[in-house]
PDB file of N, CA and C in Angstrom:
ATOM      1  N   MET A   1       0.855  -1.168   0.000  1.00  0.00           N
ATOM      2  CA  MET A   1       0.000   0.000   0.000  1.00  0.00           C
ATOM      3  C   MET A   1       0.899   1.230   0.000  1.00  0.00           C
ATOM      4  N   SER A   2       0.815   2.044  -1.056  1.00  0.00           N
ATOM      5  CA  SER A   2       1.652   3.235  -1.145  1.00  0.00           C
ATOM      6  C   SER A   2       0.916   4.433  -0.573  1.00  0.00           C
ATOM      7  N   LYS A   3       1.701   5.364  -0.075  1.00  0.00           N
ATOM      8  CA  LYS A   3       1.123   6.570   0.505  1.00  0.00           C
ATOM      9  C   LYS A   3       0.811   7.570  -0.597  1.00  0.00           C
ATOM     10  N   LYS A   4      -0.387   8.090  -0.576  1.00  0.00           N
ATOM     11  CA  LYS A   4      -0.795   9.096  -1.546  1.00  0.00           C
ATOM     12  C   LYS A   4      -0.323  10.446  -1.025  1.00  0.00           C
ATOM     13  N   ASP A   5       0.545  11.125  -1.794  1.00  0.00           N
ATOM     14  CA  ASP A   5       1.114  12.380  -1.305  1.00  0.00           C
ATOM     15  C   ASP A   5       0.779  13.590  -2.170  1.00  0.00           C
ATOM     16  N   THR A   6      -0.039  13.415  -3.195  1.00  0.00           N
ATOM     17  CA  THR A   6      -0.492  14.537  -4.012  1.00  0.00           C
ATOM     18  C   THR A   6      -2.008  14.467  -4.112  1.00  0.00           C
ATOM     19  N   PHE A   7      -2.648  15.573  -3.783  1.00  0.00           N
ATOM     20  CA  PHE A   7      -4.101  15.658  -3.860  1.00  0.00           C
ATOM     21  C   PHE A   7      -4.448  16.564  -5.029  1.00  0.00           C
ATOM     22  N   ARG A   8      -5.182  16.023  -6.005  1.00  0.00           N
ATOM     23  CA  ARG A   8      -5.488  16.733  -7.247  1.00  0.00           C
ATOM     24  C   ARG A   8      -6.989  17.024  -7.307  1.00  0.00           C
ATOM     25  N   ILE A   9      -7.328  18.285  -7.594  1.00  0.00           N
ATOM     26  CA  ILE A   9      -8.722  18.671  -7.802  1.00  0.00           C
ATOM     27  C   ILE A   9      -8.871  19.064  -9.263  1.00  0.00           C
ATOM     28  N   VAL A  10      -9.835  18.426  -9.948  1.00  0.00           N
ATOM     29  CA  VAL A  10     -10.085  18.691 -11.362  1.00  0.00           C
ATOM     30  C   VAL A  10     -11.482  19.295 -11.476  1.00  0.00           C
ATOM     31  N   THR A  11     -11.542  20.526 -11.979  1.00  0.00           N
ATOM     32  CA  THR A  11     -12.813  21.224 -12.146  1.00  0.00           C
ATOM     33  C   THR A  11     -12.856  21.858 -13.527  1.00  0.00           C
ATOM     34  N   ARG A  12     -13.953  22.481 -13.844  1.00  0.00           N
ATOM     35  CA  ARG A  12     -14.106  23.187 -15.109  1.00  0.00           C
ATOM     36  C   ARG A  12     -13.906  24.678 -14.834  1.00  0.00           C
ATOM     37  N   ALA A  13     -13.029  25.339 -15.601  1.00  0.00           N
ATOM     38  CA  ALA A  13     -12.790  26.773 -15.474  1.00  0.00           C
ATOM     39  C   ALA A  13     -13.946  27.540 -16.108  1.00  0.00           C
ATOM     40  N   SER A  14     -14.012  28.834 -15.876  1.00  0.00           N
ATOM     41  CA  SER A  14     -15.117  29.643 -16.396  1.00  0.00           C
ATOM     42  C   SER A  14     -15.143  29.686 -17.920  1.00  0.00           C
ATOM     43  N   ASP A  15     -13.989  29.479 -18.567  1.00  0.00           N
ATOM     44  CA  ASP A  15     -13.960  29.471 -20.036  1.00  0.00           C
ATOM     45  C   ASP A  15     -14.276  28.093 -20.620  1.00  0.00           C
ATOM     46  N   GLY A  16     -14.575  27.110 -19.767  1.00  0.00           N
ATOM     47  CA  GLY A  16     -14.948  25.780 -20.231  1.00  0.00           C
ATOM     48  C   GLY A  16     -13.802  24.789 -20.264  1.00  0.00           C
ATOM     49  N   SER A  17     -12.588  25.235 -20.028  1.00  0.00           N
ATOM     50  CA  SER A  17     -11.442  24.316 -20.055  1.00  0.00           C
ATOM     51  C   SER A  17     -11.352  23.548 -18.729  1.00  0.00           C
ATOM     52  N   ILE A  18     -10.594  22.484 -18.750  1.00  0.00           N
ATOM     53  CA  ILE A  18     -10.380  21.671 -17.543  1.00  0.00           C
ATOM     54  C   ILE A  18      -9.303  22.343 -16.704  1.00  0.00           C
ATOM     55  N   ARG A  19      -9.578  22.488 -15.421  1.00  0.00           N
ATOM     56  CA  ARG A  19      -8.640  23.133 -14.500  1.00  0.00           C
ATOM     57  C   ARG A  19      -8.155  22.088 -13.502  1.00  0.00           C
ATOM     58  N   VAL A  20      -6.840  21.914 -13.409  1.00  0.00           N
ATOM     59  CA  VAL A  20      -6.243  20.925 -12.514  1.00  0.00           C
ATOM     60  C   VAL A  20      -5.392  21.664 -11.487  1.00  0.00           C
ATOM     61  N   ARG A  21      -5.655  21.378 -10.211  1.00  0.00           N
ATOM     62  CA  ARG A  21      -4.867  21.979  -9.130  1.00  0.00           C
ATOM     63  C   ARG A  21      -4.336  20.864  -8.240  1.00  0.00           C
ATOM     64  N   ASP A  22      -3.033  20.882  -7.988  1.00  0.00           N
ATOM     65  CA  ASP A  22      -2.402  19.876  -7.137  1.00  0.00           C
ATOM     66  C   ASP A  22      -2.025  20.489  -5.798  1.00  0.00           C
ATOM     67  N   PHE A  23      -2.185  19.706  -4.735  1.00  0.00           N
ATOM     68  CA  PHE A  23      -1.848  20.124  -3.383  1.00  0.00           C
ATOM     69  C   PHE A  23      -0.987  19.045  -2.740  1.00  0.00           C
ATOM     70  N   PRO A  24      -0.041  19.433  -1.871  1.00  0.00           N
ATOM     71  CA  PRO A  24       0.822  18.442  -1.228  1.00  0.00           C
ATOM     72  C   PRO A  24       0.124  17.662  -0.109  1.00  0.00           C
ATOM     73  N   SER A  25      -1.007  18.171   0.366  1.00  0.00           N
ATOM     74  CA  SER A  25      -1.784  17.471   1.398  1.00  0.00           C
ATOM     75  C   SER A  25      -3.253  17.842   1.228  1.00  0.00           C
ATOM     76  N   SER A  26      -4.102  17.247   2.034  1.00  0.00           N
ATOM     77  CA  SER A  26      -5.531  17.540   1.939  1.00  0.00           C
ATOM     78  C   SER A  26      -5.917  18.801   2.701  1.00  0.00           C
ATOM     79  N   GLU A  27      -5.028  19.349   3.488  1.00  0.00           N
ATOM     80  CA  GLU A  27      -5.342  20.518   4.322  1.00  0.00           C
ATOM     81  C   GLU A  27      -5.860  21.725   3.519  1.00  0.00           C
ATOM     82  N   PRO A  28      -5.237  22.121   2.401  1.00  0.00           N
ATOM     83  CA  PRO A  28      -5.765  23.275   1.655  1.00  0.00           C
ATOM     84  C   PRO A  28      -7.179  23.020   1.096  1.00  0.00           C
ATOM     85  N   ILE A  29      -7.518  21.766   0.850  1.00  0.00           N
ATOM     86  CA  ILE A  29      -8.843  21.444   0.324  1.00  0.00           C
ATOM     87  C   ILE A  29      -9.907  21.699   1.384  1.00  0.00           C
ATOM     88  N   PHE A  30      -9.559  21.498   2.664  1.00  0.00           N
ATOM     89  CA  PHE A  30     -10.501  21.754   3.749  1.00  0.00           C
ATOM     90  C   PHE A  30     -10.921  23.226   3.788  1.00  0.00           C
ATOM     91  N   GLN A  31     -10.069  24.124   3.293  1.00  0.00           N
ATOM     92  CA  GLN A  31     -10.406  25.552   3.261  1.00  0.00           C
ATOM     93  C   GLN A  31     -11.365  25.864   2.119  1.00  0.00           C
ATOM     94  N   LEU A  32     -11.386  25.026   1.076  1.00  0.00           N
ATOM     95  CA  LEU A  32     -12.235  25.252  -0.091  1.00  0.00           C
ATOM     96  C   LEU A  32     -13.548  24.475  -0.038  1.00  0.00           C
ATOM     97  N   HIS A  33     -13.542  23.312   0.585  1.00  0.00           N
ATOM     98  CA  HIS A  33     -14.704  22.422   0.606  1.00  0.00           C
ATOM     99  C   HIS A  33     -14.908  21.879   2.012  1.00  0.00           C
ATOM    100  N   SER A  34     -16.154  21.575   2.354  1.00  0.00           N
ATOM    101  CA  SER A  34     -16.422  20.997   3.664  1.00  0.00           C
ATOM    102  C   SER A  34     -16.437  19.474   3.557  1.00  0.00           C
ATOM    103  N   GLN A  35     -15.877  18.836   4.576  1.00  0.00           N
ATOM    104  CA  GLN A  35     -15.798  17.384   4.606  1.00  0.00           C
ATOM    105  C   GLN A  35     -17.144  16.824   5.057  1.00  0.00           C
ATOM    106  N   ILE A  36     -17.612  15.779   4.334  1.00  0.00           N
ATOM    107  CA  ILE A  36     -18.886  15.174   4.706  1.00  0.00           C
ATOM    108  C   ILE A  36     -18.717  13.724   5.147  1.00  0.00           C
ATOM    109  N   GLY A  37     -17.500  13.230   5.157  1.00  0.00           N
ATOM    110  CA  GLY A  37     -17.259  11.858   5.589  1.00  0.00           C
ATOM    111  C   GLY A  37     -15.874  11.402   5.220  1.00  0.00           C
ATOM    112  N   VAL A  38     -15.660  10.100   5.354  1.00  0.00           N
ATOM    113  CA  VAL A  38     -14.386   9.496   4.959  1.00  0.00           C
ATOM    114  C   VAL A  38     -14.674   8.294   4.080  1.00  0.00           C
ATOM    115  N   ASP A  39     -13.750   7.995   3.193  1.00  0.00           N
ATOM    116  CA  ASP A  39     -13.902   6.834   2.313  1.00  0.00           C
ATOM    117  C   ASP A  39     -13.627   5.579   3.138  1.00  0.00           C
ATOM    118  N   ASP A  40     -14.601   4.679   3.148  1.00  0.00           N
ATOM    119  CA  ASP A  40     -14.407   3.440   3.896  1.00  0.00           C
ATOM    120  C   ASP A  40     -14.690   2.194   3.056  1.00  0.00           C
ATOM    121  N   SER A  41     -14.850   2.383   1.732  1.00  0.00           N
ATOM    122  CA  SER A  41     -15.206   1.227   0.915  1.00  0.00           C
ATOM    123  C   SER A  41     -14.405   1.116  -0.376  1.00  0.00           C
ATOM    124  N   SER A  42     -13.345   1.876  -0.524  1.00  0.00           N
ATOM    125  CA  SER A  42     -12.574   1.843  -1.759  1.00  0.00           C
ATOM    126  C   SER A  42     -11.827   0.526  -1.901  1.00  0.00           C
ATOM    127  N   ALA A  43     -11.745   0.036  -3.131  1.00  0.00           N
ATOM    128  CA  ALA A  43     -10.962  -1.168  -3.410  1.00  0.00           C
ATOM    129  C   ALA A  43      -9.473  -0.888  -3.254  1.00  0.00           C
ATOM    130  N   ASP A  44      -9.080   0.372  -3.478  1.00  0.00           N
ATOM    131  CA  ASP A  44      -7.690   0.790  -3.278  1.00  0.00           C
ATOM    132  C   ASP A  44      -7.524   1.108  -1.788  1.00  0.00           C
ATOM    133  N   LEU A  45      -6.827   0.254  -1.079  1.00  0.00           N
ATOM    134  CA  LEU A  45      -6.709   0.406   0.372  1.00  0.00           C
ATOM    135  C   LEU A  45      -6.053   1.712   0.787  1.00  0.00           C
ATOM    136  N   ALA A  46      -5.219   2.285  -0.075  1.00  0.00           N
ATOM    137  CA  ALA A  46      -4.550   3.547   0.251  1.00  0.00           C
ATOM    138  C   ALA A  46      -5.548   4.706   0.319  1.00  0.00           C
ATOM    139  N   LEU A  47      -6.738   4.547  -0.267  1.00  0.00           N
ATOM    140  CA  LEU A  47      -7.750   5.602  -0.243  1.00  0.00           C
ATOM    141  C   LEU A  47      -8.647   5.536   0.983  1.00  0.00           C
ATOM    142  N   ARG A  48      -8.689   4.399   1.617  1.00  0.00           N
ATOM    143  CA  ARG A  48      -9.562   4.254   2.782  1.00  0.00           C
ATOM    144  C   ARG A  48      -9.133   5.209   3.885  1.00  0.00           C
ATOM    145  N   GLY A  49     -10.115   5.897   4.436  1.00  0.00           N
ATOM    146  CA  GLY A  49      -9.857   6.865   5.504  1.00  0.00           C
ATOM    147  C   GLY A  49      -9.616   8.266   4.994  1.00  0.00           C
ATOM    148  N   LEU A  50      -9.490   8.437   3.673  1.00  0.00           N
ATOM    149  CA  LEU A  50      -9.309   9.783   3.128  1.00  0.00           C
ATOM    150  C   LEU A  50     -10.643  10.525   3.129  1.00  0.00           C
ATOM    151  N   PRO A  51     -10.597  11.853   3.205  1.00  0.00           N
ATOM    152  CA  PRO A  51     -11.841  12.617   3.303  1.00  0.00           C
ATOM    153  C   PRO A  51     -12.680  12.587   2.031  1.00  0.00           C
ATOM    154  N   VAL A  52     -13.999  12.684   2.218  1.00  0.00           N
ATOM    155  CA  VAL A  52     -14.959  12.860   1.138  1.00  0.00           C
ATOM    156  C   VAL A  52     -15.487  14.280   1.308  1.00  0.00           C
ATOM    157  N   PHE A  53     -15.461  15.060   0.233  1.00  0.00           N
ATOM    158  CA  PHE A  53     -15.832  16.479   0.314  1.00  0.00           C
ATOM    159  C   PHE A  53     -17.162  16.741  -0.387  1.00  0.00           C
ATOM    160  N   ARG A  54     -17.922  17.682   0.174  1.00  0.00           N
ATOM    161  CA  ARG A  54     -19.179  18.108  -0.436  1.00  0.00           C
ATOM    162  C   ARG A  54     -18.867  18.793  -1.764  1.00  0.00           C
ATOM    163  N   GLY A  55     -19.574  18.386  -2.830  1.00  0.00           N
ATOM    164  CA  GLY A  55     -19.410  19.008  -4.131  1.00  0.00           C
ATOM    165  C   GLY A  55     -18.299  18.424  -4.978  1.00  0.00           C
ATOM    166  N   LEU A  56     -17.625  17.375  -4.486  1.00  0.00           N
ATOM    167  CA  LEU A  56     -16.561  16.731  -5.254  1.00  0.00           C
ATOM    168  C   LEU A  56     -16.792  15.227  -5.289  1.00  0.00           C
ATOM    169  N   ILE A  57     -16.432  14.606  -6.396  1.00  0.00           N
ATOM    170  CA  ILE A  57     -16.470  13.155  -6.524  1.00  0.00           C
ATOM    171  C   ILE A  57     -15.076  12.655  -6.182  1.00  0.00           C
ATOM    172  N   GLY A  58     -14.974  11.728  -5.292  1.00  0.00           N
ATOM    173  CA  GLY A  58     -13.677  11.179  -4.939  1.00  0.00           C
ATOM    174  C   GLY A  58     -13.655  10.759  -3.487  1.00  0.00           C
ATOM    175  N   PRO A  59     -12.553  10.226  -3.076  1.00  0.00           N
ATOM    176  CA  PRO A  59     -11.252  10.133  -3.724  1.00  0.00           C
ATOM    177  C   PRO A  59     -11.197   9.049  -4.812  1.00  0.00           C
ATOM    178  N   ILE A  60     -10.433   9.354  -5.860  1.00  0.00           N
ATOM    179  CA  ILE A  60     -10.232   8.454  -6.987  1.00  0.00           C
ATOM    180  C   ILE A  60      -8.723   8.242  -7.133  1.00  0.00           C
ATOM    181  N   PRO A  61      -8.254   6.996  -7.250  1.00  0.00           N
ATOM    182  CA  PRO A  61      -6.814   6.799  -7.426  1.00  0.00           C
ATOM    183  C   PRO A  61      -6.375   7.221  -8.821  1.00  0.00           C
ATOM    184  N   GLU A  62      -5.240   7.880  -8.878  1.00  0.00           N
ATOM    185  CA  GLU A  62      -4.652   8.268 -10.162  1.00  0.00           C
ATOM    186  C   GLU A  62      -3.154   8.053 -10.050  1.00  0.00           C
ATOM    187  N   GLY A  63      -2.672   6.973 -10.577  1.00  0.00           N
ATOM    188  CA  GLY A  63      -1.255   6.649 -10.449  1.00  0.00           C
ATOM    189  C   GLY A  63      -0.959   6.146  -9.046  1.00  0.00           C
ATOM    190  N   LYS A  64       0.323   6.081  -8.736  1.00  0.00           N
ATOM    191  CA  LYS A  64       0.723   5.541  -7.438  1.00  0.00           C
ATOM    192  C   LYS A  64       0.505   6.509  -6.289  1.00  0.00           C
ATOM    193  N   ASN A  65       0.819   7.786  -6.493  1.00  0.00           N
ATOM    194  CA  ASN A  65       0.849   8.716  -5.370  1.00  0.00           C
ATOM    195  C   ASN A  65      -0.165   9.842  -5.454  1.00  0.00           C
ATOM    196  N   VAL A  66      -1.129   9.761  -6.368  1.00  0.00           N
ATOM    197  CA  VAL A  66      -2.055  10.870  -6.569  1.00  0.00           C
ATOM    198  C   VAL A  66      -3.477  10.442  -6.202  1.00  0.00           C
ATOM    199  N   VAL A  67      -4.138  11.305  -5.432  1.00  0.00           N
ATOM    200  CA  VAL A  67      -5.552  11.148  -5.112  1.00  0.00           C
ATOM    201  C   VAL A  67      -6.282  12.234  -5.876  1.00  0.00           C
ATOM    202  N   ARG A  68      -7.311  11.842  -6.606  1.00  0.00           N
ATOM    203  CA  ARG A  68      -8.014  12.778  -7.479  1.00  0.00           C
ATOM    204  C   ARG A  68      -9.431  13.013  -6.973  1.00  0.00           C
ATOM    205  N   TYR A  69      -9.832  14.278  -6.965  1.00  0.00           N
ATOM    206  CA  TYR A  69     -11.208  14.667  -6.692  1.00  0.00           C
ATOM    207  C   TYR A  69     -11.682  15.450  -7.911  1.00  0.00           C
ATOM    208  N   GLU A  70     -12.929  15.207  -8.353  1.00  0.00           N
ATOM    209  CA  GLU A  70     -13.456  15.880  -9.539  1.00  0.00           C
ATOM    210  C   GLU A  70     -14.789  16.530  -9.216  1.00  0.00           C
ATOM    211  N   SER A  71     -15.062  17.633  -9.907  1.00  0.00           N
ATOM    212  CA  SER A  71     -16.391  18.215  -9.799  1.00  0.00           C
ATOM    213  C   SER A  71     -17.361  17.267 -10.496  1.00  0.00           C
ATOM    214  N   PRO A  72     -18.637  17.268 -10.114  1.00  0.00           N
ATOM    215  CA  PRO A  72     -19.592  16.355 -10.757  1.00  0.00           C
ATOM    216  C   PRO A  72     -19.662  16.536 -12.279  1.00  0.00           C
ATOM    217  N   GLU A  73     -19.550  17.774 -12.759  1.00  0.00           N
ATOM    218  CA  GLU A  73     -19.607  18.029 -14.202  1.00  0.00           C
ATOM    219  C   GLU A  73     -18.426  17.387 -14.925  1.00  0.00           C
ATOM    220  N   VAL A  74     -17.232  17.555 -14.373  1.00  0.00           N
ATOM    221  CA  VAL A  74     -16.036  16.959 -14.978  1.00  0.00           C
ATOM    222  C   VAL A  74     -16.132  15.440 -14.926  1.00  0.00           C
ATOM    223  N   PHE A  75     -16.586  14.900 -13.802  1.00  0.00           N
ATOM    224  CA  PHE A  75     -16.736  13.456 -13.661  1.00  0.00           C
ATOM    225  C   PHE A  75     -17.672  12.910 -14.730  1.00  0.00           C
ATOM    226  N   GLU A  76     -18.806  13.583 -14.926  1.00  0.00           N
ATOM    227  CA  GLU A  76     -19.775  13.136 -15.927  1.00  0.00           C
ATOM    228  C   GLU A  76     -19.198  13.218 -17.336  1.00  0.00           C
ATOM    229  N   THR A  77     -18.510  14.316 -17.654  1.00  0.00           N
ATOM    230  CA  THR A  77     -17.922  14.499 -18.981  1.00  0.00           C
ATOM    231  C   THR A  77     -16.860  13.442 -19.265  1.00  0.00           C
ATOM    232  N   ILE A  78     -15.955  13.236 -18.324  1.00  0.00           N
ATOM    233  CA  ILE A  78     -14.867  12.271 -18.524  1.00  0.00           C
ATOM    234  C   ILE A  78     -15.418  10.851 -18.608  1.00  0.00           C
ATOM    235  N   THR A  79     -16.423  10.544 -17.802  1.00  0.00           N
ATOM    236  CA  THR A  79     -17.030   9.219 -17.846  1.00  0.00           C
ATOM    237  C   THR A  79     -17.706   8.969 -19.187  1.00  0.00           C
ATOM    238  N   LYS A  80     -18.412   9.969 -19.711  1.00  0.00           N
ATOM    239  CA  LYS A  80     -19.054   9.811 -21.020  1.00  0.00           C
ATOM    240  C   LYS A  80     -18.022   9.621 -22.120  1.00  0.00           C
ATOM    241  N   GLU A  81     -16.936  10.406 -22.079  1.00  0.00           N
ATOM    242  CA  GLU A  81     -15.885  10.259 -23.083  1.00  0.00           C
ATOM    243  C   GLU A  81     -15.264   8.864 -23.010  1.00  0.00           C
ATOM    244  N   TRP A  82     -15.038   8.397 -21.797  1.00  0.00           N
ATOM    245  CA  TRP A  82     -14.433   7.082 -21.607  1.00  0.00           C
ATOM    246  C   TRP A  82     -15.356   5.982 -22.122  1.00  0.00           C
ATOM    247  N   SER A  83     -16.651   6.088 -21.819  1.00  0.00           N
ATOM    248  CA  SER A  83     -17.573   5.028 -22.234  1.00  0.00           C
ATOM    249  C   SER A  83     -17.866   5.053 -23.731  1.00  0.00           C
ATOM    250  N   ASN A  84     -17.718   6.211 -24.377  1.00  0.00           N
ATOM    251  CA  ASN A  84     -17.976   6.313 -25.816  1.00  0.00           C
ATOM    252  C   ASN A  84     -16.744   6.054 -26.667  1.00  0.00           C
ATOM    253  N   ALA A  85     -15.597   5.884 -26.036  1.00  0.00           N
ATOM    254  CA  ALA A  85     -14.361   5.653 -26.791  1.00  0.00           C
ATOM    255  C   ALA A  85     -14.458   4.335 -27.543  1.00  0.00           C
ATOM    256  N   LYS A  86     -14.074   4.362 -28.798  1.00  0.00           N
ATOM    257  CA  LYS A  86     -14.106   3.161 -29.627  1.00  0.00           C
ATOM    258  C   LYS A  86     -12.918   2.278 -29.278  1.00  0.00           C
ATOM    259  N   ILE A  87     -13.183   1.010 -29.144  1.00  0.00           N
ATOM    260  CA  ILE A  87     -12.123   0.051 -28.876  1.00  0.00           C
ATOM    261  C   ILE A  87     -11.558  -0.406 -30.213  1.00  0.00           C
ATOM    262  N   LYS A  88     -10.270  -0.259 -30.362  1.00  0.00           N
ATOM    263  CA  LYS A  88      -9.631  -0.664 -31.599  1.00  0.00           C
ATOM    264  C   LYS A  88      -9.593  -2.181 -31.652  1.00  0.00           C
ATOM    265  N   ARG A  89     -10.222  -2.705 -32.659  1.00  0.00           N
ATOM    266  CA  ARG A  89     -10.296  -4.161 -32.821  1.00  0.00           C
ATOM    267  C   ARG A  89      -8.987  -4.684 -33.402  1.00  0.00           C
ATOM    268  N   ARG A  90      -8.532  -5.778 -32.870  1.00  0.00           N
ATOM    269  CA  ARG A  90      -7.325  -6.417 -33.381  1.00  0.00           C
ATOM    270  C   ARG A  90      -7.720  -7.542 -34.307  1.00  0.00           C
ATOM    271  N   ARG A  91      -6.926  -7.720 -35.315  1.00  0.00           N
ATOM    272  CA  ARG A  91      -7.141  -8.819 -36.241  1.00  0.00           C
ATOM    273  C   ARG A  91      -6.337 -10.008 -35.772  1.00  0.00           C
ATOM    274  N   ARG A  92      -6.982 -11.121 -35.629  1.00  0.00           N
ATOM    275  CA  ARG A  92      -6.268 -12.323 -35.230  1.00  0.00           C
ATOM    276  C   ARG A  92      -5.585 -12.928 -36.445  1.00  0.00           C
ATOM    277  N   ARG A  93      -4.360 -13.300 -36.254  1.00  0.00           N
ATOM    278  CA  ARG A  93      -3.620 -13.940 -37.342  1.00  0.00           C
ATOM    279  C   ARG A  93      -3.863 -15.427 -37.291  1.00  0.00           C
ATOM    280  N   LYS A  94      -4.023 -16.006 -38.444  1.00  0.00           N
ATOM    281  CA  LYS A  94      -4.168 -17.456 -38.561  1.00  0.00           C
ATOM    282  C   LYS A  94      -2.817 -18.021 -38.982  1.00  0.00           C
ATOM    283  N   LEU A  95      -2.392 -19.060 -38.314  1.00  0.00           N
ATOM    284  CA  LEU A  95      -1.129 -19.705 -38.636  1.00  0.00           C
ATOM    285  C   LEU A  95      -1.392 -21.146 -39.048  1.00  0.00           C
ATOM    286  N   ASP A  96      -0.619 -21.601 -40.033  1.00  0.00           N
ATOM    287  CA  ASP A  96      -0.746 -23.003 -40.420  1.00  0.00           C
ATOM    288  C   ASP A  96       0.125 -23.860 -39.496  1.00  0.00           C
ATOM    289  N   ALA A  97       0.205 -25.142 -39.769  1.00  0.00           N
ATOM    290  CA  ALA A  97       0.926 -26.071 -38.901  1.00  0.00           C
ATOM    291  C   ALA A  97       2.407 -25.745 -38.780  1.00  0.00           C
ATOM    292  N   SER A  98       2.992 -25.153 -39.834  1.00  0.00           N
ATOM    293  CA  SER A  98       4.419 -24.840 -39.790  1.00  0.00           C
ATOM    294  C   SER A  98       4.691 -23.439 -39.241  1.00  0.00           C
ATOM    295  N   GLY A  99       3.653 -22.726 -38.838  1.00  0.00           N
ATOM    296  CA  GLY A  99       3.844 -21.415 -38.231  1.00  0.00           C
ATOM    297  C   GLY A  99       3.781 -20.262 -39.202  1.00  0.00           C
ATOM    298  N   ASN A 100       3.466 -20.523 -40.467  1.00  0.00           N
ATOM    299  CA  ASN A 100       3.352 -19.464 -41.458  1.00  0.00           C
ATOM    300  C   ASN A 100       1.959 -18.838 -41.389  1.00  0.00           C
ATOM    301  N   GLU A 101       1.905 -17.547 -41.626  1.00  0.00           N
ATOM    302  CA  GLU A 101       0.632 -16.854 -41.574  1.00  0.00           C
ATOM    303  C   GLU A 101      -0.234 -17.223 -42.781  1.00  0.00           C
ATOM    304  N   ILE A 102      -1.508 -17.480 -42.520  1.00  0.00           N
ATOM    305  CA  ILE A 102      -2.465 -17.789 -43.571  1.00  0.00           C
ATOM    306  C   ILE A 102      -3.218 -16.512 -43.902  1.00  0.00           C
ATOM    307  N   VAL A 103      -3.178 -16.111 -45.163  1.00  0.00           N
ATOM    308  CA  VAL A 103      -3.914 -14.935 -45.593  1.00  0.00           C
ATOM    309  C   VAL A 103      -5.208 -15.410 -46.236  1.00  0.00           C
ATOM    310  N   LEU A 104      -6.333 -14.987 -45.643  1.00  0.00           N
ATOM    311  CA  LEU A 104      -7.630 -15.401 -46.159  1.00  0.00           C
ATOM    312  C   LEU A 104      -8.308 -14.235 -46.854  1.00  0.00           C
ATOM    313  N   THR A 105      -8.720 -14.469 -48.070  1.00  0.00           N
ATOM    314  CA  THR A 105      -9.548 -13.486 -48.762  1.00  0.00           C
ATOM    315  C   THR A 105     -10.982 -13.709 -48.289  1.00  0.00           C
ATOM    316  N   PRO A 106     -11.852 -12.726 -48.432  1.00  0.00           N
ATOM    317  CA  PRO A 106     -13.248 -12.924 -48.019  1.00  0.00           C
ATOM    318  C   PRO A 106     -13.900 -14.127 -48.700  1.00  0.00           C
ATOM    319  N   GLU A 107     -13.541 -14.356 -49.966  1.00  0.00           N
ATOM    320  CA  GLU A 107     -14.115 -15.499 -50.699  1.00  0.00           C
ATOM    321  C   GLU A 107     -13.649 -16.820 -50.070  1.00  0.00           C
ATOM    322  N   ARG A 108     -12.381 -16.903 -49.771  1.00  0.00           N
ATOM    323  CA  ARG A 108     -11.818 -18.143 -49.190  1.00  0.00           C
ATOM    324  C   ARG A 108     -12.394 -18.368 -47.799  1.00  0.00           C
ATOM    325  N   ALA A 109     -12.559 -17.303 -47.034  1.00  0.00           N
ATOM    326  CA  ALA A 109     -13.131 -17.433 -45.692  1.00  0.00           C
ATOM    327  C   ALA A 109     -14.573 -17.943 -45.781  1.00  0.00           C
ATOM    328  N   ALA A 110     -15.333 -17.480 -46.780  1.00  0.00           N
ATOM    329  CA  ALA A 110     -16.713 -17.937 -46.950  1.00  0.00           C
ATOM    330  C   ALA A 110     -16.744 -19.410 -47.310  1.00  0.00           C
ATOM    331  N   GLU A 111     -15.743 -19.884 -48.055  1.00  0.00           N
ATOM    332  CA  GLU A 111     -15.703 -21.295 -48.424  1.00  0.00           C
ATOM    333  C   GLU A 111     -15.477 -22.180 -47.218  1.00  0.00           C
ATOM    334  N   LEU A 112     -14.710 -21.687 -46.216  1.00  0.00           N
ATOM    335  CA  LEU A 112     -14.366 -22.480 -45.044  1.00  0.00           C
ATOM    336  C   LEU A 112     -15.512 -22.572 -44.050  1.00  0.00           C
ATOM    337  N   ILE A 113     -16.462 -21.695 -44.180  1.00  0.00           N
ATOM    338  CA  ILE A 113     -17.569 -21.663 -43.200  1.00  0.00           C
ATOM    339  C   ILE A 113     -18.624 -22.667 -43.533  1.00  0.00           C
TER     340      ILE A 113
END
């Protein structure tokens, strides 16, 4: 279990861009947001016991040493982008008994079916 030593807040700036602010501890965040509880159910054990803030989604693990909190709008936007991302399909190579690649034309593939 590694110690999280950077606290990152990701929000939307007034011009619509993503604003990222890093803090060396959670103390400066207490001045900006009120704590409403502590995380007690995260799968990442290093996050357990970290504060949960009103108006922020998190804590979310980001890398080894970063704890991320996001505004609900940013969380929703990033989640939608992530879920709509196209997965690049890989083509499986067919090999014959001697290990040479078999190139199948659509016609030949239809014959084998």
